[in-house]
């Protein structure tokens, strides 16, 4: 039985990898960053970045180690000290279907 406080539709797994993100802000400045991925689900990821990003921004995500290239929308931004935890929801055409297989072979 799921916890009473858990509202997510998909289970999350911890993921200790770095994703590449790219987006354009309101002033049309282009950002590319390498972001530690805190966790992942079939429908999105949570990352940590140093740059402020506007909620509802669109982000391109690349994870070569998993063969993932996706676009996502910023759903949540929480400031934590000098960094931001950002929840990204994949666009409907993208998902990670095989979460138990997320760890690339040979990784430590």
PDB file of N, CA and C in Angstrom:
ATOM      1  N   UNK A   1       0.842  -1.181   0.000  1.00  0.00           N
ATOM      2  CA  UNK A   1       0.000   0.000   0.000  1.00  0.00           C
ATOM      3  C   UNK A   1       0.882   1.237   0.000  1.00  0.00           C
ATOM      4  N   UNK A   2       0.530   2.233  -0.791  1.00  0.00           N
ATOM      5  CA  UNK A   2       1.306   3.469  -0.897  1.00  0.00           C
ATOM      6  C   UNK A   2       1.129   4.307   0.365  1.00  0.00           C
ATOM      7  N   UNK A   3       2.127   5.105   0.675  1.00  0.00           N
ATOM      8  CA  UNK A   3       2.048   6.016   1.808  1.00  0.00           C
ATOM      9  C   UNK A   3       0.935   7.030   1.569  1.00  0.00           C
ATOM     10  N   UNK A   4       0.292   7.437   2.654  1.00  0.00           N
ATOM     11  CA  UNK A   4      -0.814   8.388   2.533  1.00  0.00           C
ATOM     12  C   UNK A   4      -0.361   9.733   1.995  1.00  0.00           C
ATOM     13  N   UNK A   5       0.891  10.121   2.260  1.00  0.00           N
ATOM     14  CA  UNK A   5       1.387  11.425   1.822  1.00  0.00           C
ATOM     15  C   UNK A   5       1.947  11.399   0.403  1.00  0.00           C
ATOM     16  N   UNK A   6       2.129  10.240  -0.181  1.00  0.00           N
ATOM     17  CA  UNK A   6       2.694  10.124  -1.522  1.00  0.00           C
ATOM     18  C   UNK A   6       1.628  10.406  -2.568  1.00  0.00           C
ATOM     19  N   UNK A   7       1.832  11.458  -3.379  1.00  0.00           N
ATOM     20  CA  UNK A   7       0.856  11.831  -4.400  1.00  0.00           C
ATOM     21  C   UNK A   7       1.355  11.537  -5.806  1.00  0.00           C
ATOM     22  N   UNK A   8       2.569  11.067  -5.954  1.00  0.00           N
ATOM     23  CA  UNK A   8       3.107  10.818  -7.292  1.00  0.00           C
ATOM     24  C   UNK A   8       2.448   9.600  -7.927  1.00  0.00           C
ATOM     25  N   UNK A   9       2.277   9.674  -9.229  1.00  0.00           N
ATOM     26  CA  UNK A   9       1.683   8.568  -9.965  1.00  0.00           C
ATOM     27  C   UNK A   9       2.717   7.490 -10.276  1.00  0.00           C
ATOM     28  N   UNK A  10       3.981   7.886 -10.426  1.00  0.00           N
ATOM     29  CA  UNK A  10       5.038   6.956 -10.810  1.00  0.00           C
ATOM     30  C   UNK A  10       6.088   6.867  -9.709  1.00  0.00           C
ATOM     31  N   UNK A  11       6.639   5.665  -9.532  1.00  0.00           N
ATOM     32  CA  UNK A  11       7.684   5.505  -8.527  1.00  0.00           C
ATOM     33  C   UNK A  11       8.955   6.239  -8.967  1.00  0.00           C
ATOM     34  N   UNK A  12       9.731   6.657  -8.003  1.00  0.00           N
ATOM     35  CA  UNK A  12      10.999   7.350  -8.260  1.00  0.00           C
ATOM     36  C   UNK A  12      12.142   6.479  -7.804  1.00  0.00           C
ATOM     37  N   UNK A  13      13.263   6.595  -8.524  1.00  0.00           N
ATOM     38  CA  UNK A  13      14.478   5.914  -8.085  1.00  0.00           C
ATOM     39  C   UNK A  13      15.581   6.953  -7.956  1.00  0.00           C
ATOM     40  N   UNK A  14      16.495   6.701  -7.035  1.00  0.00           N
ATOM     41  CA  UNK A  14      17.679   7.568  -6.908  1.00  0.00           C
ATOM     42  C   UNK A  14      18.560   7.330  -8.116  1.00  0.00           C
ATOM     43  N   UNK A  15      19.142   8.392  -8.611  1.00  0.00           N
ATOM     44  CA  UNK A  15      19.994   8.294  -9.792  1.00  0.00           C
ATOM     45  C   UNK A  15      21.188   9.202  -9.575  1.00  0.00           C
ATOM     46  N   UNK A  16      22.354   8.629  -9.443  1.00  0.00           N
ATOM     47  CA  UNK A  16      23.565   9.422  -9.195  1.00  0.00           C
ATOM     48  C   UNK A  16      24.335   9.608 -10.493  1.00  0.00           C
ATOM     49  N   UNK A  17      23.782  10.390 -11.378  1.00  0.00           N
ATOM     50  CA  UNK A  17      24.409  10.680 -12.661  1.00  0.00           C
ATOM     51  C   UNK A  17      24.234  12.144 -12.993  1.00  0.00           C
ATOM     52  N   UNK A  18      24.920  12.578 -14.027  1.00  0.00           N
ATOM     53  CA  UNK A  18      24.847  13.967 -14.461  1.00  0.00           C
ATOM     54  C   UNK A  18      24.120  14.018 -15.796  1.00  0.00           C
ATOM     55  N   UNK A  19      23.173  14.929 -15.885  1.00  0.00           N
ATOM     56  CA  UNK A  19      22.436  15.152 -17.125  1.00  0.00           C
ATOM     57  C   UNK A  19      22.862  16.490 -17.719  1.00  0.00           C
ATOM     58  N   UNK A  20      22.764  16.618 -19.021  1.00  0.00           N
ATOM     59  CA  UNK A  20      23.024  17.890 -19.693  1.00  0.00           C
ATOM     60  C   UNK A  20      21.688  18.572 -19.948  1.00  0.00           C
ATOM     61  N   UNK A  21      21.588  19.837 -19.528  1.00  0.00           N
ATOM     62  CA  UNK A  21      20.352  20.598 -19.712  1.00  0.00           C
ATOM     63  C   UNK A  21      20.621  21.831 -20.550  1.00  0.00           C
ATOM     64  N   UNK A  22      19.647  22.255 -21.324  1.00  0.00           N
ATOM     65  CA  UNK A  22      19.741  23.487 -22.094  1.00  0.00           C
ATOM     66  C   UNK A  22      18.394  24.182 -22.120  1.00  0.00           C
ATOM     67  N   UNK A  23      18.397  25.517 -21.961  1.00  0.00           N
ATOM     68  CA  UNK A  23      17.150  26.289 -22.012  1.00  0.00           C
ATOM     69  C   UNK A  23      17.460  27.742 -22.329  1.00  0.00           C
ATOM     70  N   UNK A  24      16.423  28.476 -22.695  1.00  0.00           N
ATOM     71  CA  UNK A  24      16.512  29.908 -22.977  1.00  0.00           C
ATOM     72  C   UNK A  24      15.653  30.625 -21.937  1.00  0.00           C
ATOM     73  N   UNK A  25      16.210  31.660 -21.291  1.00  0.00           N
ATOM     74  CA  UNK A  25      15.443  32.387 -20.266  1.00  0.00           C
ATOM     75  C   UNK A  25      14.618  33.511 -20.895  1.00  0.00           C
ATOM     76  N   UNK A  26      13.961  34.286 -20.054  1.00  0.00           N
ATOM     77  CA  UNK A  26      13.073  35.356 -20.531  1.00  0.00           C
ATOM     78  C   UNK A  26      13.807  36.430 -21.333  1.00  0.00           C
ATOM     79  N   UNK A  27      15.090  36.652 -21.013  1.00  0.00           N
ATOM     80  CA  UNK A  27      15.878  37.651 -21.743  1.00  0.00           C
ATOM     81  C   UNK A  27      16.549  37.055 -22.975  1.00  0.00           C
ATOM     82  N   UNK A  28      16.135  35.841 -23.339  1.00  0.00           N
ATOM     83  CA  UNK A  28      16.652  35.118 -24.499  1.00  0.00           C
ATOM     84  C   UNK A  28      18.124  34.749 -24.363  1.00  0.00           C
ATOM     85  N   UNK A  29      18.585  34.578 -23.141  1.00  0.00           N
ATOM     86  CA  UNK A  29      19.935  34.092 -22.876  1.00  0.00           C
ATOM     87  C   UNK A  29      19.884  32.570 -22.828  1.00  0.00           C
ATOM     88  N   UNK A  30      20.825  31.943 -23.554  1.00  0.00           N
ATOM     89  CA  UNK A  30      20.858  30.484 -23.632  1.00  0.00           C
ATOM     90  C   UNK A  30      21.747  29.921 -22.531  1.00  0.00           C
ATOM     91  N   UNK A  31      21.264  28.927 -21.808  1.00  0.00           N
ATOM     92  CA  UNK A  31      22.019  28.263 -20.745  1.00  0.00           C
ATOM     93  C   UNK A  31      22.249  26.806 -21.107  1.00  0.00           C
ATOM     94  N   UNK A  32      23.430  26.316 -20.844  1.00  0.00           N
ATOM     95  CA  UNK A  32      23.704  24.879 -20.883  1.00  0.00           C
ATOM     96  C   UNK A  32      24.460  24.562 -19.599  1.00  0.00           C
ATOM     97  N   UNK A  33      24.007  23.532 -18.914  1.00  0.00           N
ATOM     98  CA  UNK A  33      24.628  23.147 -17.654  1.00  0.00           C
ATOM     99  C   UNK A  33      24.672  21.631 -17.551  1.00  0.00           C
ATOM    100  N   UNK A  34      25.606  21.161 -16.729  1.00  0.00           N
ATOM    101  CA  UNK A  34      25.625  19.761 -16.323  1.00  0.00           C
ATOM    102  C   UNK A  34      25.004  19.728 -14.942  1.00  0.00           C
ATOM    103  N   UNK A  35      23.941  18.941 -14.800  1.00  0.00           N
ATOM    104  CA  UNK A  35      23.152  18.945 -13.571  1.00  0.00           C
ATOM    105  C   UNK A  35      23.132  17.559 -12.933  1.00  0.00           C
ATOM    106  N   UNK A  36      23.520  17.471 -11.672  1.00  0.00           N
ATOM    107  CA  UNK A  36      23.369  16.187 -10.975  1.00  0.00           C
ATOM    108  C   UNK A  36      21.883  15.819 -10.921  1.00  0.00           C
ATOM    109  N   UNK A  37      21.593  14.582 -11.246  1.00  0.00           N
ATOM    110  CA  UNK A  37      20.223  14.087 -11.189  1.00  0.00           C
ATOM    111  C   UNK A  37      20.000  13.470  -9.812  1.00  0.00           C
ATOM    112  N   UNK A  38      19.013  13.964  -9.096  1.00  0.00           N
ATOM    113  CA  UNK A  38      18.734  13.482  -7.745  1.00  0.00           C
ATOM    114  C   UNK A  38      17.852  12.238  -7.764  1.00  0.00           C
ATOM    115  N   UNK A  39      16.855  12.238  -8.622  1.00  0.00           N
ATOM    116  CA  UNK A  39      16.018  11.055  -8.795  1.00  0.00           C
ATOM    117  C   UNK A  39      15.299  11.144 -10.130  1.00  0.00           C
ATOM    118  N   UNK A  40      14.711  10.002 -10.517  1.00  0.00           N
ATOM    119  CA  UNK A  40      14.040   9.920 -11.813  1.00  0.00           C
ATOM    120  C   UNK A  40      12.794   9.056 -11.686  1.00  0.00           C
ATOM    121  N   UNK A  41      11.849   9.328 -12.560  1.00  0.00           N
ATOM    122  CA  UNK A  41      10.661   8.489 -12.686  1.00  0.00           C
ATOM    123  C   UNK A  41      10.400   8.303 -14.170  1.00  0.00           C
ATOM    124  N   UNK A  42       9.384   7.564 -14.478  1.00  0.00           N
ATOM    125  CA  UNK A  42       9.024   7.341 -15.873  1.00  0.00           C
ATOM    126  C   UNK A  42       8.658   8.645 -16.570  1.00  0.00           C
ATOM    127  N   UNK A  43       8.163   9.612 -15.800  1.00  0.00           N
ATOM    128  CA  UNK A  43       7.642  10.841 -16.405  1.00  0.00           C
ATOM    129  C   UNK A  43       8.490  12.089 -16.171  1.00  0.00           C
ATOM    130  N   UNK A  44       9.607  11.960 -15.441  1.00  0.00           N
ATOM    131  CA  UNK A  44      10.425  13.144 -15.216  1.00  0.00           C
ATOM    132  C   UNK A  44      11.634  12.892 -14.342  1.00  0.00           C
ATOM    133  N   UNK A  45      12.349  13.972 -14.069  1.00  0.00           N
ATOM    134  CA  UNK A  45      13.553  13.899 -13.251  1.00  0.00           C
ATOM    135  C   UNK A  45      13.602  15.095 -12.301  1.00  0.00           C
ATOM    136  N   UNK A  46      14.376  14.948 -11.231  1.00  0.00           N
ATOM    137  CA  UNK A  46      14.659  16.068 -10.329  1.00  0.00           C
ATOM    138  C   UNK A  46      16.161  16.273 -10.354  1.00  0.00           C
ATOM    139  N   UNK A  47      16.575  17.506 -10.655  1.00  0.00           N
ATOM    140  CA  UNK A  47      17.993  17.842 -10.781  1.00  0.00           C
ATOM    141  C   UNK A  47      18.338  18.994  -9.846  1.00  0.00           C
ATOM    142  N   UNK A  48      19.635  19.239  -9.701  1.00  0.00           N
ATOM    143  CA  UNK A  48      20.103  20.363  -8.898  1.00  0.00           C
ATOM    144  C   UNK A  48      21.004  21.236  -9.759  1.00  0.00           C
ATOM    145  N   UNK A  49      20.691  22.539  -9.800  1.00  0.00           N
ATOM    146  CA  UNK A  49      21.480  23.470 -10.600  1.00  0.00           C
ATOM    147  C   UNK A  49      21.771  24.729  -9.792  1.00  0.00           C
ATOM    148  N   UNK A  50      22.750  25.511 -10.253  1.00  0.00           N
ATOM    149  CA  UNK A  50      23.095  26.775  -9.589  1.00  0.00           C
ATOM    150  C   UNK A  50      22.358  27.965 -10.176  1.00  0.00           C
ATOM    151  N   UNK A  51      21.876  27.819 -11.391  1.00  0.00           N
ATOM    152  CA  UNK A  51      21.199  28.903 -12.090  1.00  0.00           C
ATOM    153  C   UNK A  51      19.719  28.928 -11.741  1.00  0.00           C
ATOM    154  N   UNK A  52      19.172  30.111 -11.617  1.00  0.00           N
ATOM    155  CA  UNK A  52      17.730  30.272 -11.401  1.00  0.00           C
ATOM    156  C   UNK A  52      17.032  29.983 -12.718  1.00  0.00           C
ATOM    157  N   UNK A  53      15.965  29.234 -12.663  1.00  0.00           N
ATOM    158  CA  UNK A  53      15.189  28.926 -13.863  1.00  0.00           C
ATOM    159  C   UNK A  53      13.720  29.197 -13.553  1.00  0.00           C
ATOM    160  N   UNK A  54      13.026  29.775 -14.501  1.00  0.00           N
ATOM    161  CA  UNK A  54      11.621  30.119 -14.303  1.00  0.00           C
ATOM    162  C   UNK A  54      10.739  28.878 -14.376  1.00  0.00           C
ATOM    163  N   UNK A  55       9.770  28.778 -13.461  1.00  0.00           N
ATOM    164  CA  UNK A  55       8.781  27.700 -13.584  1.00  0.00           C
ATOM    165  C   UNK A  55       8.079  27.806 -14.939  1.00  0.00           C
ATOM    166  N   UNK A  56       7.712  26.698 -15.489  1.00  0.00           N
ATOM    167  CA  UNK A  56       7.060  26.577 -16.804  1.00  0.00           C
ATOM    168  C   UNK A  56       8.025  26.747 -17.970  1.00  0.00           C
ATOM    169  N   UNK A  57       9.327  26.947 -17.704  1.00  0.00           N
ATOM    170  CA  UNK A  57      10.313  26.990 -18.789  1.00  0.00           C
ATOM    171  C   UNK A  57      10.391  25.618 -19.456  1.00  0.00           C
ATOM    172  N   UNK A  58      10.808  25.615 -20.707  1.00  0.00           N
ATOM    173  CA  UNK A  58      11.038  24.358 -21.410  1.00  0.00           C
ATOM    174  C   UNK A  58      12.530  24.088 -21.442  1.00  0.00           C
ATOM    175  N   UNK A  59      12.899  22.834 -21.193  1.00  0.00           N
ATOM    176  CA  UNK A  59      14.298  22.428 -21.047  1.00  0.00           C
ATOM    177  C   UNK A  59      14.554  21.232 -21.949  1.00  0.00           C
ATOM    178  N   UNK A  60      15.711  21.230 -22.618  1.00  0.00           N
ATOM    179  CA  UNK A  60      16.163  20.054 -23.348  1.00  0.00           C
ATOM    180  C   UNK A  60      17.078  19.266 -22.416  1.00  0.00           C
ATOM    181  N   UNK A  61      16.888  17.954 -22.383  1.00  0.00           N
ATOM    182  CA  UNK A  61      17.644  17.070 -21.498  1.00  0.00           C
ATOM    183  C   UNK A  61      18.373  16.049 -22.353  1.00  0.00           C
ATOM    184  N   UNK A  62      19.632  15.800 -21.990  1.00  0.00           N
ATOM    185  CA  UNK A  62      20.399  14.776 -22.685  1.00  0.00           C
ATOM    186  C   UNK A  62      21.138  13.943 -21.649  1.00  0.00           C
ATOM    187  N   UNK A  63      21.017  12.636 -21.772  1.00  0.00           N
ATOM    188  CA  UNK A  63      21.726  11.685 -20.908  1.00  0.00           C
ATOM    189  C   UNK A  63      22.301  10.609 -21.812  1.00  0.00           C
ATOM    190  N   UNK A  64      23.492  10.861 -22.331  1.00  0.00           N
ATOM    191  CA  UNK A  64      24.111   9.936 -23.282  1.00  0.00           C
ATOM    192  C   UNK A  64      24.241   8.530 -22.710  1.00  0.00           C
ATOM    193  N   UNK A  65      24.551   8.434 -21.412  1.00  0.00           N
ATOM    194  CA  UNK A  65      24.773   7.134 -20.786  1.00  0.00           C
ATOM    195  C   UNK A  65      23.514   6.259 -20.795  1.00  0.00           C
ATOM    196  N   UNK A  66      22.339   6.857 -20.991  1.00  0.00           N
ATOM    197  CA  UNK A  66      21.082   6.119 -21.044  1.00  0.00           C
ATOM    198  C   UNK A  66      20.421   6.194 -22.417  1.00  0.00           C
ATOM    199  N   UNK A  67      21.053   6.884 -23.349  1.00  0.00           N
ATOM    200  CA  UNK A  67      20.450   7.046 -24.664  1.00  0.00           C
ATOM    201  C   UNK A  67      19.192   7.898 -24.630  1.00  0.00           C
ATOM    202  N   UNK A  68      19.151   8.855 -23.709  1.00  0.00           N
ATOM    203  CA  UNK A  68      17.963   9.689 -23.562  1.00  0.00           C
ATOM    204  C   UNK A  68      18.212  11.090 -24.093  1.00  0.00           C
ATOM    205  N   UNK A  69      17.350  11.539 -24.968  1.00  0.00           N
ATOM    206  CA  UNK A  69      17.258  12.928 -25.391  1.00  0.00           C
ATOM    207  C   UNK A  69      15.789  13.276 -25.293  1.00  0.00           C
ATOM    208  N   UNK A  70      15.475  14.299 -24.489  1.00  0.00           N
ATOM    209  CA  UNK A  70      14.075  14.611 -24.232  1.00  0.00           C
ATOM    210  C   UNK A  70      13.892  16.102 -24.028  1.00  0.00           C
ATOM    211  N   UNK A  71      12.653  16.525 -24.121  1.00  0.00           N
ATOM    212  CA  UNK A  71      12.309  17.886 -23.735  1.00  0.00           C
ATOM    213  C   UNK A  71      11.354  17.774 -22.549  1.00  0.00           C
ATOM    214  N   UNK A  72      11.405  18.793 -21.694  1.00  0.00           N
ATOM    215  CA  UNK A  72      10.614  18.758 -20.467  1.00  0.00           C
ATOM    216  C   UNK A  72      10.203  20.167 -20.075  1.00  0.00           C
ATOM    217  N   UNK A  73       9.248  20.234 -19.180  1.00  0.00           N
ATOM    218  CA  UNK A  73       8.774  21.503 -18.639  1.00  0.00           C
ATOM    219  C   UNK A  73       9.130  21.568 -17.162  1.00  0.00           C
ATOM    220  N   UNK A  74       9.554  22.747 -16.717  1.00  0.00           N
ATOM    221  CA  UNK A  74       9.858  22.937 -15.299  1.00  0.00           C
ATOM    222  C   UNK A  74       8.536  22.947 -14.540  1.00  0.00           C
ATOM    223  N   UNK A  75       8.397  22.029 -13.598  1.00  0.00           N
ATOM    224  CA  UNK A  75       7.174  21.937 -12.800  1.00  0.00           C
ATOM    225  C   UNK A  75       7.348  22.523 -11.403  1.00  0.00           C
ATOM    226  N   UNK A  76       8.576  22.478 -10.894  1.00  0.00           N
ATOM    227  CA  UNK A  76       8.813  22.948  -9.527  1.00  0.00           C
ATOM    228  C   UNK A  76      10.248  23.425  -9.396  1.00  0.00           C
ATOM    229  N   UNK A  77      10.419  24.542  -8.675  1.00  0.00           N
ATOM    230  CA  UNK A  77      11.750  25.079  -8.383  1.00  0.00           C
ATOM    231  C   UNK A  77      11.787  25.387  -6.886  1.00  0.00           C
ATOM    232  N   UNK A  78      12.744  24.787  -6.186  1.00  0.00           N
ATOM    233  CA  UNK A  78      12.909  25.024  -4.754  1.00  0.00           C
ATOM    234  C   UNK A  78      14.352  25.449  -4.505  1.00  0.00           C
ATOM    235  N   UNK A  79      14.530  26.635  -3.929  1.00  0.00           N
ATOM    236  CA  UNK A  79      15.879  27.097  -3.616  1.00  0.00           C
ATOM    237  C   UNK A  79      16.370  26.370  -2.374  1.00  0.00           C
ATOM    238  N   UNK A  80      17.606  25.885  -2.452  1.00  0.00           N
ATOM    239  CA  UNK A  80      18.248  25.183  -1.347  1.00  0.00           C
ATOM    240  C   UNK A  80      19.653  25.756  -1.212  1.00  0.00           C
ATOM    241  N   UNK A  81      19.813  26.764  -0.346  1.00  0.00           N
ATOM    242  CA  UNK A  81      21.097  27.451  -0.235  1.00  0.00           C
ATOM    243  C   UNK A  81      21.372  28.236  -1.507  1.00  0.00           C
ATOM    244  N   UNK A  82      22.523  27.982  -2.112  1.00  0.00           N
ATOM    245  CA  UNK A  82      22.894  28.672  -3.349  1.00  0.00           C
ATOM    246  C   UNK A  82      22.489  27.891  -4.600  1.00  0.00           C
ATOM    247  N   UNK A  83      21.776  26.784  -4.421  1.00  0.00           N
ATOM    248  CA  UNK A  83      21.374  25.945  -5.546  1.00  0.00           C
ATOM    249  C   UNK A  83      19.855  25.856  -5.611  1.00  0.00           C
ATOM    250  N   UNK A  84      19.386  25.295  -6.709  1.00  0.00           N
ATOM    251  CA  UNK A  84      17.958  25.107  -6.926  1.00  0.00           C
ATOM    252  C   UNK A  84      17.685  23.644  -7.259  1.00  0.00           C
ATOM    253  N   UNK A  85      16.711  23.067  -6.596  1.00  0.00           N
ATOM    254  CA  UNK A  85      16.234  21.750  -6.976  1.00  0.00           C
ATOM    255  C   UNK A  85      15.075  21.972  -7.940  1.00  0.00           C
ATOM    256  N   UNK A  86      15.187  21.344  -9.094  1.00  0.00           N
ATOM    257  CA  UNK A  86      14.233  21.595 -10.176  1.00  0.00           C
ATOM    258  C   UNK A  86      13.568  20.286 -10.579  1.00  0.00           C
ATOM    259  N   UNK A  87      12.249  20.277 -10.531  1.00  0.00           N
ATOM    260  CA  UNK A  87      11.480  19.129 -11.004  1.00  0.00           C
ATOM    261  C   UNK A  87      11.102  19.338 -12.449  1.00  0.00           C
ATOM    262  N   UNK A  88      11.467  18.399 -13.297  1.00  0.00           N
ATOM    263  CA  UNK A  88      11.214  18.482 -14.733  1.00  0.00           C
ATOM    264  C   UNK A  88      10.277  17.357 -15.152  1.00  0.00           C
ATOM    265  N   UNK A  89       9.209  17.718 -15.854  1.00  0.00           N
ATOM    266  CA  UNK A  89       8.266  16.726 -16.361  1.00  0.00           C
ATOM    267  C   UNK A  89       8.465  16.579 -17.860  1.00  0.00           C
ATOM    268  N   UNK A  90       8.739  15.348 -18.303  1.00  0.00           N
ATOM    269  CA  UNK A  90       8.933  15.100 -19.723  1.00  0.00           C
ATOM    270  C   UNK A  90       7.680  15.478 -20.500  1.00  0.00           C
ATOM    271  N   UNK A  91       7.877  15.967 -21.728  1.00  0.00           N
ATOM    272  CA  UNK A  91       6.743  16.172 -22.627  1.00  0.00           C
ATOM    273  C   UNK A  91       6.121  14.821 -22.921  1.00  0.00           C
ATOM    274  N   UNK A  92       4.892  14.805 -23.340  1.00  0.00           N
ATOM    275  CA  UNK A  92       4.137  13.554 -23.490  1.00  0.00           C
ATOM    276  C   UNK A  92       4.796  12.538 -24.418  1.00  0.00           C
ATOM    277  N   UNK A  93       5.633  12.983 -25.321  1.00  0.00           N
ATOM    278  CA  UNK A  93       6.265  12.055 -26.261  1.00  0.00           C
ATOM    279  C   UNK A  93       7.533  11.403 -25.702  1.00  0.00           C
ATOM    280  N   UNK A  94       7.929  11.762 -24.485  1.00  0.00           N
ATOM    281  CA  UNK A  94       9.141  11.211 -23.881  1.00  0.00           C
ATOM    282  C   UNK A  94       8.820  10.525 -22.563  1.00  0.00           C
ATOM    283  N   UNK A  95       9.544   9.435 -22.283  1.00  0.00           N
ATOM    284  CA  UNK A  95       9.451   8.789 -20.972  1.00  0.00           C
ATOM    285  C   UNK A  95      10.574   7.767 -20.845  1.00  0.00           C
ATOM    286  N   UNK A  96      10.850   7.409 -19.603  1.00  0.00           N
ATOM    287  CA  UNK A  96      11.753   6.301 -19.299  1.00  0.00           C
ATOM    288  C   UNK A  96      10.867   5.163 -18.862  1.00  0.00           C
ATOM    289  N   UNK A  97      10.671   4.183 -19.703  1.00  0.00           N
ATOM    290  CA  UNK A  97       9.752   3.081 -19.421  1.00  0.00           C
ATOM    291  C   UNK A  97      10.371   2.001 -18.536  1.00  0.00           C
ATOM    292  N   UNK A  98      11.679   1.788 -18.603  1.00  0.00           N
ATOM    293  CA  UNK A  98      12.308   0.673 -17.906  1.00  0.00           C
ATOM    294  C   UNK A  98      13.194   1.158 -16.767  1.00  0.00           C
ATOM    295  N   UNK A  99      12.592   1.717 -15.740  1.00  0.00           N
ATOM    296  CA  UNK A  99      13.366   2.286 -14.645  1.00  0.00           C
ATOM    297  C   UNK A  99      14.350   1.318 -13.993  1.00  0.00           C
ATOM    298  N   UNK A 100      14.008   0.048 -13.777  1.00  0.00           N
ATOM    299  CA  UNK A 100      15.011  -0.828 -13.159  1.00  0.00           C
ATOM    300  C   UNK A 100      16.262  -0.980 -14.012  1.00  0.00           C
ATOM    301  N   UNK A 101      16.169  -0.690 -15.293  1.00  0.00           N
ATOM    302  CA  UNK A 101      17.296  -0.811 -16.199  1.00  0.00           C
ATOM    303  C   UNK A 101      18.006   0.511 -16.437  1.00  0.00           C
ATOM    304  N   UNK A 102      17.754   1.508 -15.601  1.00  0.00           N
ATOM    305  CA  UNK A 102      18.369   2.816 -15.808  1.00  0.00           C
ATOM    306  C   UNK A 102      19.874   2.801 -15.619  1.00  0.00           C
ATOM    307  N   UNK A 103      20.391   1.982 -14.719  1.00  0.00           N
ATOM    308  CA  UNK A 103      21.825   1.989 -14.472  1.00  0.00           C
ATOM    309  C   UNK A 103      22.550   1.402 -15.657  1.00  0.00           C
ATOM    310  N   UNK A 104      23.475   2.175 -16.265  1.00  0.00           N
ATOM    311  CA  UNK A 104      24.208   1.654 -17.412  1.00  0.00           C
ATOM    312  C   UNK A 104      25.141   0.535 -16.972  1.00  0.00           C
ATOM    313  N   UNK A 105      25.345  -0.445 -17.804  1.00  0.00           N
ATOM    314  CA  UNK A 105      26.233  -1.555 -17.448  1.00  0.00           C
ATOM    315  C   UNK A 105      27.646  -1.051 -17.290  1.00  0.00           C
ATOM    316  N   UNK A 106      28.332  -1.597 -16.298  1.00  0.00           N
ATOM    317  CA  UNK A 106      29.718  -1.226 -16.063  1.00  0.00           C
ATOM    318  C   UNK A 106      29.874   0.000 -15.193  1.00  0.00           C
ATOM    319  N   UNK A 107      28.783   0.638 -14.754  1.00  0.00           N
ATOM    320  CA  UNK A 107      28.933   1.816 -13.906  1.00  0.00           C
ATOM    321  C   UNK A 107      29.171   1.396 -12.467  1.00  0.00           C
ATOM    322  N   UNK A 108      29.821   2.270 -11.729  1.00  0.00           N
ATOM    323  CA  UNK A 108      30.117   1.958 -10.339  1.00  0.00           C
ATOM    324  C   UNK A 108      29.343   2.840  -9.424  1.00  0.00           C
TER     325      UNK A 108
END
